[in-house]
Amino acid sequence: MTDRSNDQPDPRGAIKDPDEWVTGEEPPTAAQESYLSTLAREADAEVPEGLTKAEASKRIDELQAETGRGR
């Protein structure tokens, strides 16, 4: 019997940098906008107008770190 647990790709490797997203320059999704609003409210922060999908993702990461939600 062969142990195949080492044959699986690291799931973290599947996460692509938002700067490399093909759709990164598109407007944020409704889900991103809603979550950003929630996180900003919790962090007492503002969300800049006109973010791209990639920028929204980065801001979500920042606000998750500030609020402790991304753990």
N, C-alpha and C. Protein backbone atom coordinates (compact mmCIF):
# COMPACT_ATOMS: atom_id res chain seq x y z
N MET A 1 0.85 -1.18 0.00
CA MET A 1 0.00 0.00 0.00
C MET A 1 0.90 1.24 0.00
N THR A 2 0.57 2.20 -0.83
CA THR A 2 1.36 3.41 -0.97
C THR A 2 0.67 4.57 -0.28
N ASP A 3 1.45 5.34 0.46
CA ASP A 3 0.92 6.54 1.09
C ASP A 3 0.89 7.65 0.06
N ARG A 4 -0.31 8.07 -0.32
CA ARG A 4 -0.45 9.10 -1.35
C ARG A 4 -0.68 10.50 -0.75
N SER A 5 -0.60 10.61 0.56
CA SER A 5 -0.90 11.91 1.17
C SER A 5 0.07 12.99 0.69
N ASN A 6 1.27 12.62 0.29
CA ASN A 6 2.23 13.60 -0.20
C ASN A 6 2.03 13.92 -1.67
N ASP A 7 1.16 13.19 -2.35
CA ASP A 7 0.93 13.42 -3.77
C ASP A 7 -0.06 14.55 -4.03
N GLN A 8 -0.76 14.98 -3.01
CA GLN A 8 -1.79 16.00 -3.18
C GLN A 8 -1.14 17.39 -3.20
N PRO A 9 -1.60 18.25 -4.11
CA PRO A 9 -1.06 19.61 -4.13
C PRO A 9 -1.49 20.37 -2.88
N ASP A 10 -0.67 21.29 -2.47
CA ASP A 10 -0.98 22.13 -1.33
C ASP A 10 -2.14 23.04 -1.72
N PRO A 11 -3.28 22.96 -1.02
CA PRO A 11 -4.43 23.78 -1.41
C PRO A 11 -4.13 25.28 -1.34
N ARG A 12 -3.19 25.68 -0.51
CA ARG A 12 -2.84 27.10 -0.46
C ARG A 12 -2.17 27.55 -1.75
N GLY A 13 -1.57 26.62 -2.49
CA GLY A 13 -0.94 26.96 -3.75
C GLY A 13 -1.94 27.31 -4.83
N ALA A 14 -3.19 26.95 -4.62
CA ALA A 14 -4.24 27.22 -5.60
C ALA A 14 -4.76 28.65 -5.48
N ILE A 15 -4.39 29.34 -4.43
CA ILE A 15 -4.84 30.71 -4.23
C ILE A 15 -3.95 31.64 -5.04
N LYS A 16 -4.56 32.30 -5.98
CA LYS A 16 -3.82 33.17 -6.88
C LYS A 16 -3.81 34.60 -6.35
N ASP A 17 -2.70 35.27 -6.51
CA ASP A 17 -2.57 36.66 -6.13
C ASP A 17 -3.59 37.48 -6.92
N PRO A 18 -4.37 38.32 -6.24
CA PRO A 18 -5.37 39.12 -6.95
C PRO A 18 -4.79 39.94 -8.11
N ASP A 19 -3.53 40.33 -8.00
CA ASP A 19 -2.90 41.08 -9.09
C ASP A 19 -2.78 40.26 -10.37
N GLU A 20 -2.88 38.94 -10.24
CA GLU A 20 -2.75 38.05 -11.39
C GLU A 20 -4.11 37.58 -11.93
N TRP A 21 -5.19 38.00 -11.30
CA TRP A 21 -6.51 37.59 -11.75
C TRP A 21 -6.81 38.15 -13.13
N VAL A 22 -7.36 37.34 -13.99
CA VAL A 22 -7.78 37.80 -15.31
C VAL A 22 -8.92 38.80 -15.18
N THR A 23 -9.77 38.60 -14.20
CA THR A 23 -10.93 39.48 -14.00
C THR A 23 -10.67 40.54 -12.92
N GLY A 24 -9.44 40.72 -12.53
CA GLY A 24 -9.10 41.62 -11.43
C GLY A 24 -9.48 43.07 -11.64
N GLU A 25 -9.56 43.51 -12.88
CA GLU A 25 -9.90 44.90 -13.16
C GLU A 25 -11.40 45.15 -13.24
N GLU A 26 -12.18 44.10 -13.13
CA GLU A 26 -13.64 44.24 -13.15
C GLU A 26 -14.12 44.82 -11.82
N PRO A 27 -15.33 45.33 -11.80
CA PRO A 27 -15.89 45.83 -10.53
C PRO A 27 -16.04 44.69 -9.53
N PRO A 28 -16.03 45.02 -8.24
CA PRO A 28 -16.20 43.98 -7.23
C PRO A 28 -17.55 43.27 -7.37
N THR A 29 -17.59 42.05 -6.90
CA THR A 29 -18.85 41.31 -6.91
C THR A 29 -19.75 41.87 -5.80
N ALA A 30 -21.01 41.56 -5.88
CA ALA A 30 -21.96 41.99 -4.84
C ALA A 30 -21.56 41.41 -3.49
N ALA A 31 -21.08 40.18 -3.50
CA ALA A 31 -20.65 39.55 -2.24
C ALA A 31 -19.45 40.28 -1.65
N GLN A 32 -18.50 40.66 -2.50
CA GLN A 32 -17.34 41.41 -2.01
C GLN A 32 -17.79 42.75 -1.41
N GLU A 33 -18.65 43.45 -2.11
CA GLU A 33 -19.12 44.75 -1.62
C GLU A 33 -19.84 44.62 -0.28
N SER A 34 -20.66 43.61 -0.16
CA SER A 34 -21.39 43.40 1.08
C SER A 34 -20.44 43.06 2.23
N TYR A 35 -19.51 42.16 1.99
CA TYR A 35 -18.57 41.75 3.04
C TYR A 35 -17.65 42.91 3.41
N LEU A 36 -17.21 43.67 2.41
CA LEU A 36 -16.38 44.85 2.68
C LEU A 36 -17.12 45.83 3.58
N SER A 37 -18.37 46.04 3.29
CA SER A 37 -19.18 46.95 4.10
C SER A 37 -19.26 46.47 5.55
N THR A 38 -19.49 45.19 5.72
CA THR A 38 -19.57 44.60 7.06
C THR A 38 -18.24 44.76 7.80
N LEU A 39 -17.15 44.39 7.13
CA LEU A 39 -15.83 44.48 7.76
C LEU A 39 -15.47 45.93 8.08
N ALA A 40 -15.75 46.84 7.16
CA ALA A 40 -15.43 48.24 7.38
C ALA A 40 -16.19 48.79 8.59
N ARG A 41 -17.44 48.40 8.70
CA ARG A 41 -18.25 48.84 9.84
C ARG A 41 -17.63 48.33 11.15
N GLU A 42 -17.22 47.06 11.16
CA GLU A 42 -16.62 46.48 12.36
C GLU A 42 -15.27 47.11 12.70
N ALA A 43 -14.51 47.50 11.68
CA ALA A 43 -13.17 48.06 11.88
C ALA A 43 -13.20 49.58 11.99
N ASP A 44 -14.41 50.16 11.90
CA ASP A 44 -14.55 51.62 11.88
C ASP A 44 -13.64 52.22 10.81
N ALA A 45 -13.74 51.65 9.62
CA ALA A 45 -12.92 52.06 8.48
C ALA A 45 -13.84 52.43 7.31
N GLU A 46 -13.25 53.08 6.34
CA GLU A 46 -14.00 53.43 5.14
C GLU A 46 -13.53 52.57 3.98
N VAL A 47 -14.43 52.34 3.05
CA VAL A 47 -14.11 51.61 1.83
C VAL A 47 -14.09 52.61 0.70
N PRO A 48 -12.94 52.75 0.02
CA PRO A 48 -12.87 53.72 -1.08
C PRO A 48 -13.82 53.35 -2.21
N GLU A 49 -14.31 54.36 -2.88
CA GLU A 49 -15.17 54.17 -4.04
C GLU A 49 -14.33 53.70 -5.23
N GLY A 50 -14.95 52.96 -6.13
CA GLY A 50 -14.31 52.61 -7.39
C GLY A 50 -13.26 51.52 -7.31
N LEU A 51 -13.31 50.68 -6.29
CA LEU A 51 -12.35 49.58 -6.20
C LEU A 51 -12.59 48.58 -7.32
N THR A 52 -11.52 47.93 -7.74
CA THR A 52 -11.64 46.81 -8.66
C THR A 52 -11.86 45.54 -7.85
N LYS A 53 -12.15 44.47 -8.52
CA LYS A 53 -12.34 43.18 -7.86
C LYS A 53 -11.07 42.79 -7.09
N ALA A 54 -9.91 42.99 -7.70
CA ALA A 54 -8.64 42.64 -7.06
C ALA A 54 -8.38 43.54 -5.85
N GLU A 55 -8.64 44.83 -5.99
CA GLU A 55 -8.43 45.75 -4.88
C GLU A 55 -9.38 45.44 -3.73
N ALA A 56 -10.60 45.08 -4.05
CA ALA A 56 -11.57 44.71 -3.01
C ALA A 56 -11.09 43.48 -2.25
N SER A 57 -10.54 42.52 -2.96
CA SER A 57 -10.03 41.32 -2.31
C SER A 57 -8.90 41.65 -1.34
N LYS A 58 -8.01 42.52 -1.77
CA LYS A 58 -6.90 42.93 -0.89
C LYS A 58 -7.41 43.68 0.32
N ARG A 59 -8.39 44.55 0.12
CA ARG A 59 -8.95 45.31 1.25
C ARG A 59 -9.67 44.38 2.21
N ILE A 60 -10.34 43.38 1.69
CA ILE A 60 -10.98 42.38 2.55
C ILE A 60 -9.93 41.70 3.41
N ASP A 61 -8.82 41.30 2.82
CA ASP A 61 -7.74 40.67 3.59
C ASP A 61 -7.25 41.59 4.70
N GLU A 62 -7.06 42.87 4.38
CA GLU A 62 -6.58 43.83 5.37
C GLU A 62 -7.57 43.98 6.52
N LEU A 63 -8.84 44.13 6.16
CA LEU A 63 -9.86 44.32 7.19
C LEU A 63 -10.10 43.06 8.00
N GLN A 64 -9.94 41.90 7.38
CA GLN A 64 -10.05 40.66 8.15
C GLN A 64 -8.95 40.61 9.21
N ALA A 65 -7.76 41.03 8.85
CA ALA A 65 -6.66 41.03 9.80
C ALA A 65 -6.95 42.01 10.94
N GLU A 66 -7.51 43.16 10.61
CA GLU A 66 -7.83 44.16 11.63
C GLU A 66 -8.93 43.68 12.58
N THR A 67 -9.92 43.01 12.04
CA THR A 67 -11.07 42.60 12.85
C THR A 67 -10.90 41.21 13.46
N GLY A 68 -9.92 40.46 12.99
CA GLY A 68 -9.73 39.10 13.50
C GLY A 68 -10.64 38.08 12.83
N ARG A 69 -11.35 38.47 11.79
CA ARG A 69 -12.27 37.55 11.13
C ARG A 69 -11.57 36.55 10.22
N GLY A 70 -10.39 36.83 9.77
CA GLY A 70 -9.74 35.98 8.78
C GLY A 70 -8.92 34.85 9.36
N ARG A 71 -9.06 34.58 10.61
CA ARG A 71 -8.22 33.56 11.25
C ARG A 71 -8.66 32.17 10.91
